N, C-alpha and C. Protein backbone atom coordinates (compact mmCIF):
# COMPACT_ATOMS: atom_id res chain seq x y z
N MET A 1 18.96 27.64 -43.18
CA MET A 1 20.31 28.35 -43.25
C MET A 1 21.36 27.93 -42.31
N ALA A 2 22.54 27.78 -42.65
CA ALA A 2 23.58 27.37 -41.59
C ALA A 2 24.57 28.42 -41.66
N LEU A 3 25.29 28.45 -40.65
CA LEU A 3 26.48 29.41 -40.57
C LEU A 3 27.70 28.74 -40.69
N LEU A 4 28.52 28.92 -41.78
CA LEU A 4 29.70 28.37 -41.99
C LEU A 4 30.90 29.31 -41.33
N THR A 5 31.78 28.65 -40.64
CA THR A 5 32.95 29.52 -40.14
C THR A 5 34.41 29.19 -40.71
N ARG A 6 35.24 30.03 -40.79
CA ARG A 6 36.50 29.86 -41.09
C ARG A 6 37.50 30.02 -39.94
N ILE A 7 36.93 30.07 -38.76
CA ILE A 7 37.76 30.24 -37.66
C ILE A 7 38.64 29.12 -37.44
N LYS A 8 38.59 27.78 -37.59
CA LYS A 8 39.56 26.89 -37.64
C LYS A 8 40.70 27.05 -38.50
N GLU A 9 40.40 27.50 -39.71
CA GLU A 9 41.37 27.89 -40.68
C GLU A 9 42.27 28.88 -40.43
N TYR A 10 41.56 30.03 -39.98
CA TYR A 10 42.39 31.12 -39.29
C TYR A 10 43.30 30.89 -38.28
N ARG A 11 42.82 30.13 -37.27
CA ARG A 11 43.49 29.52 -36.10
C ARG A 11 44.95 28.92 -36.61
N ALA A 12 44.72 28.06 -37.77
CA ALA A 12 45.85 27.39 -38.25
C ALA A 12 46.85 28.39 -38.95
N LYS A 13 46.33 29.32 -39.48
CA LYS A 13 47.32 30.42 -40.16
C LYS A 13 48.12 30.91 -39.12
N PHE A 14 47.41 31.27 -38.05
CA PHE A 14 48.01 32.09 -36.96
C PHE A 14 48.70 31.17 -35.84
N ASP A 15 48.70 29.79 -36.21
CA ASP A 15 49.33 28.69 -35.18
C ASP A 15 48.72 29.14 -33.93
N MET A 16 47.39 28.95 -33.81
CA MET A 16 46.74 29.52 -32.36
C MET A 16 45.93 28.35 -32.04
N LYS A 17 45.99 27.94 -30.84
CA LYS A 17 45.11 27.07 -30.07
C LYS A 17 43.76 27.66 -29.71
N GLN A 18 42.72 26.88 -29.46
CA GLN A 18 41.30 27.30 -29.51
C GLN A 18 41.24 28.07 -28.01
N GLU A 19 42.10 27.39 -27.02
CA GLU A 19 42.29 28.13 -25.74
C GLU A 19 42.68 29.57 -25.84
N THR A 20 43.76 29.68 -26.70
CA THR A 20 44.44 31.01 -26.85
C THR A 20 43.19 32.14 -27.27
N LEU A 21 42.68 31.63 -28.47
CA LEU A 21 41.47 32.45 -29.00
C LEU A 21 40.62 32.73 -28.06
N ALA A 22 40.14 31.87 -27.17
CA ALA A 22 39.09 31.97 -26.35
C ALA A 22 39.48 33.01 -25.27
N GLU A 23 40.67 32.91 -24.81
CA GLU A 23 41.11 33.83 -23.80
C GLU A 23 41.24 35.36 -24.42
N LEU A 24 41.63 35.32 -25.65
CA LEU A 24 41.85 36.73 -26.24
C LEU A 24 40.23 37.47 -26.48
N VAL A 25 39.39 36.64 -26.62
CA VAL A 25 37.95 37.19 -27.07
C VAL A 25 37.03 36.98 -25.70
N GLY A 26 37.56 36.49 -24.66
CA GLY A 26 36.79 36.48 -23.46
C GLY A 26 35.70 35.29 -23.24
N VAL A 27 35.87 34.25 -23.95
CA VAL A 27 34.94 33.10 -23.92
C VAL A 27 35.67 31.79 -23.40
N ARG A 28 34.96 30.76 -23.09
CA ARG A 28 35.40 29.50 -22.89
C ARG A 28 35.98 28.78 -24.13
N ARG A 29 36.80 27.85 -23.95
CA ARG A 29 37.48 27.26 -25.05
C ARG A 29 36.35 26.46 -25.85
N GLU A 30 35.42 25.88 -25.05
CA GLU A 30 34.12 25.04 -25.61
C GLU A 30 33.50 25.94 -26.57
N THR A 31 33.26 27.06 -26.33
CA THR A 31 32.44 28.03 -27.14
C THR A 31 33.16 28.19 -28.58
N ILE A 32 34.43 28.15 -28.66
CA ILE A 32 35.10 28.17 -29.81
C ILE A 32 35.05 27.01 -30.61
N GLY A 33 35.09 25.87 -29.64
CA GLY A 33 34.90 24.38 -30.43
C GLY A 33 33.45 24.62 -31.17
N HIS A 34 32.50 25.08 -30.51
CA HIS A 34 31.24 24.92 -30.95
C HIS A 34 30.89 25.78 -31.96
N LEU A 35 31.66 26.81 -32.09
CA LEU A 35 31.52 27.85 -33.22
C LEU A 35 32.09 27.10 -34.46
N GLU A 36 33.21 26.48 -34.34
CA GLU A 36 33.98 25.91 -35.41
C GLU A 36 33.21 24.84 -36.02
N LYS A 37 32.48 24.07 -35.12
CA LYS A 37 31.48 22.96 -35.52
C LYS A 37 30.03 23.27 -36.06
N GLY A 38 29.85 24.68 -35.94
CA GLY A 38 28.65 25.20 -36.34
C GLY A 38 27.51 24.98 -35.34
N LYS A 39 27.68 24.56 -34.22
CA LYS A 39 26.82 24.22 -33.11
C LYS A 39 26.29 25.47 -32.44
N TYR A 40 26.95 26.63 -32.71
CA TYR A 40 26.58 27.85 -31.86
C TYR A 40 26.92 28.94 -32.77
N ASN A 41 25.88 29.81 -32.88
CA ASN A 41 26.20 31.28 -33.42
C ASN A 41 26.63 32.32 -32.55
N PRO A 42 27.54 33.05 -32.80
CA PRO A 42 28.00 34.08 -32.03
C PRO A 42 27.31 35.17 -32.14
N SER A 43 27.48 35.95 -31.15
CA SER A 43 26.68 37.43 -30.95
C SER A 43 27.52 38.18 -31.89
N LEU A 44 26.94 39.29 -32.29
CA LEU A 44 27.67 40.13 -33.16
C LEU A 44 28.90 40.61 -32.49
N LYS A 45 28.80 41.08 -31.30
CA LYS A 45 30.09 41.37 -30.52
C LYS A 45 31.27 40.48 -30.61
N LEU A 46 30.90 39.14 -30.44
CA LEU A 46 31.73 37.89 -30.26
C LEU A 46 32.48 37.90 -31.75
N ALA A 47 31.57 37.92 -32.73
CA ALA A 47 31.93 37.80 -34.30
C ALA A 47 32.99 38.88 -34.56
N PHE A 48 32.78 40.06 -34.23
CA PHE A 48 33.54 41.34 -34.40
C PHE A 48 34.95 41.00 -33.61
N ASP A 49 34.85 40.73 -32.45
CA ASP A 49 35.88 40.39 -31.61
C ASP A 49 36.92 39.45 -32.12
N ILE A 50 36.39 38.05 -32.77
CA ILE A 50 37.22 37.17 -33.20
C ILE A 50 37.74 37.82 -34.66
N ALA A 51 37.00 38.38 -35.40
CA ALA A 51 37.53 38.99 -36.64
C ALA A 51 38.83 40.02 -36.41
N LYS A 52 38.49 40.71 -35.29
CA LYS A 52 39.72 41.79 -34.91
C LYS A 52 41.14 40.89 -34.60
N VAL A 53 40.87 39.91 -33.77
CA VAL A 53 42.11 38.95 -33.49
C VAL A 53 42.65 38.61 -34.78
N PHE A 54 42.17 38.25 -35.74
CA PHE A 54 42.74 37.76 -37.03
C PHE A 54 42.89 38.84 -38.14
N ASN A 55 42.63 40.07 -37.63
CA ASN A 55 42.60 41.21 -38.58
C ASN A 55 42.00 41.10 -39.95
N THR A 56 40.71 40.67 -39.71
CA THR A 56 39.99 40.47 -41.04
C THR A 56 38.51 40.86 -40.78
N THR A 57 37.62 40.59 -41.62
CA THR A 57 36.21 41.01 -41.39
C THR A 57 35.33 39.86 -40.97
N VAL A 58 34.43 40.29 -40.58
CA VAL A 58 33.16 39.15 -39.97
C VAL A 58 32.75 38.44 -41.08
N GLU A 59 32.49 39.22 -42.36
CA GLU A 59 32.25 38.44 -43.58
C GLU A 59 33.05 37.48 -44.12
N GLU A 60 34.55 37.62 -43.81
CA GLU A 60 35.41 36.65 -44.39
C GLU A 60 35.46 35.49 -43.20
N LEU A 61 35.05 35.71 -42.12
CA LEU A 61 35.05 34.55 -41.12
C LEU A 61 33.90 33.80 -41.21
N PHE A 62 32.65 34.40 -41.39
CA PHE A 62 31.47 33.80 -41.19
C PHE A 62 30.67 33.93 -42.42
N GLU A 63 29.89 32.88 -42.85
CA GLU A 63 28.94 32.98 -44.11
C GLU A 63 27.71 32.06 -43.87
N PHE A 64 26.76 32.55 -44.23
CA PHE A 64 25.34 31.93 -44.14
C PHE A 64 25.17 31.22 -45.34
N THR A 65 24.77 30.02 -45.56
CA THR A 65 24.49 29.26 -46.62
C THR A 65 23.16 28.55 -46.70
N ASP A 66 22.58 28.28 -47.60
CA ASP A 66 21.43 27.50 -47.63
C ASP A 66 21.95 26.06 -47.73
N VAL A 67 21.46 25.27 -46.85
CA VAL A 67 21.69 23.87 -46.75
C VAL A 67 20.37 23.16 -46.64
């Protein structure tokens, strides 16, 4: 299984840089980059924090897929 994210898409909608999102959720910019590339699976808290920033659900931002 692989985790797909829509973080980059949502950042574009909100005209937000990785650094800004990272500051809002309390992680490093590199963490956001790794999430967007599928190299890192977020903790449940981080997933909820990111969803809250974009006023959406965790299910909208993250999806497990059979790859």
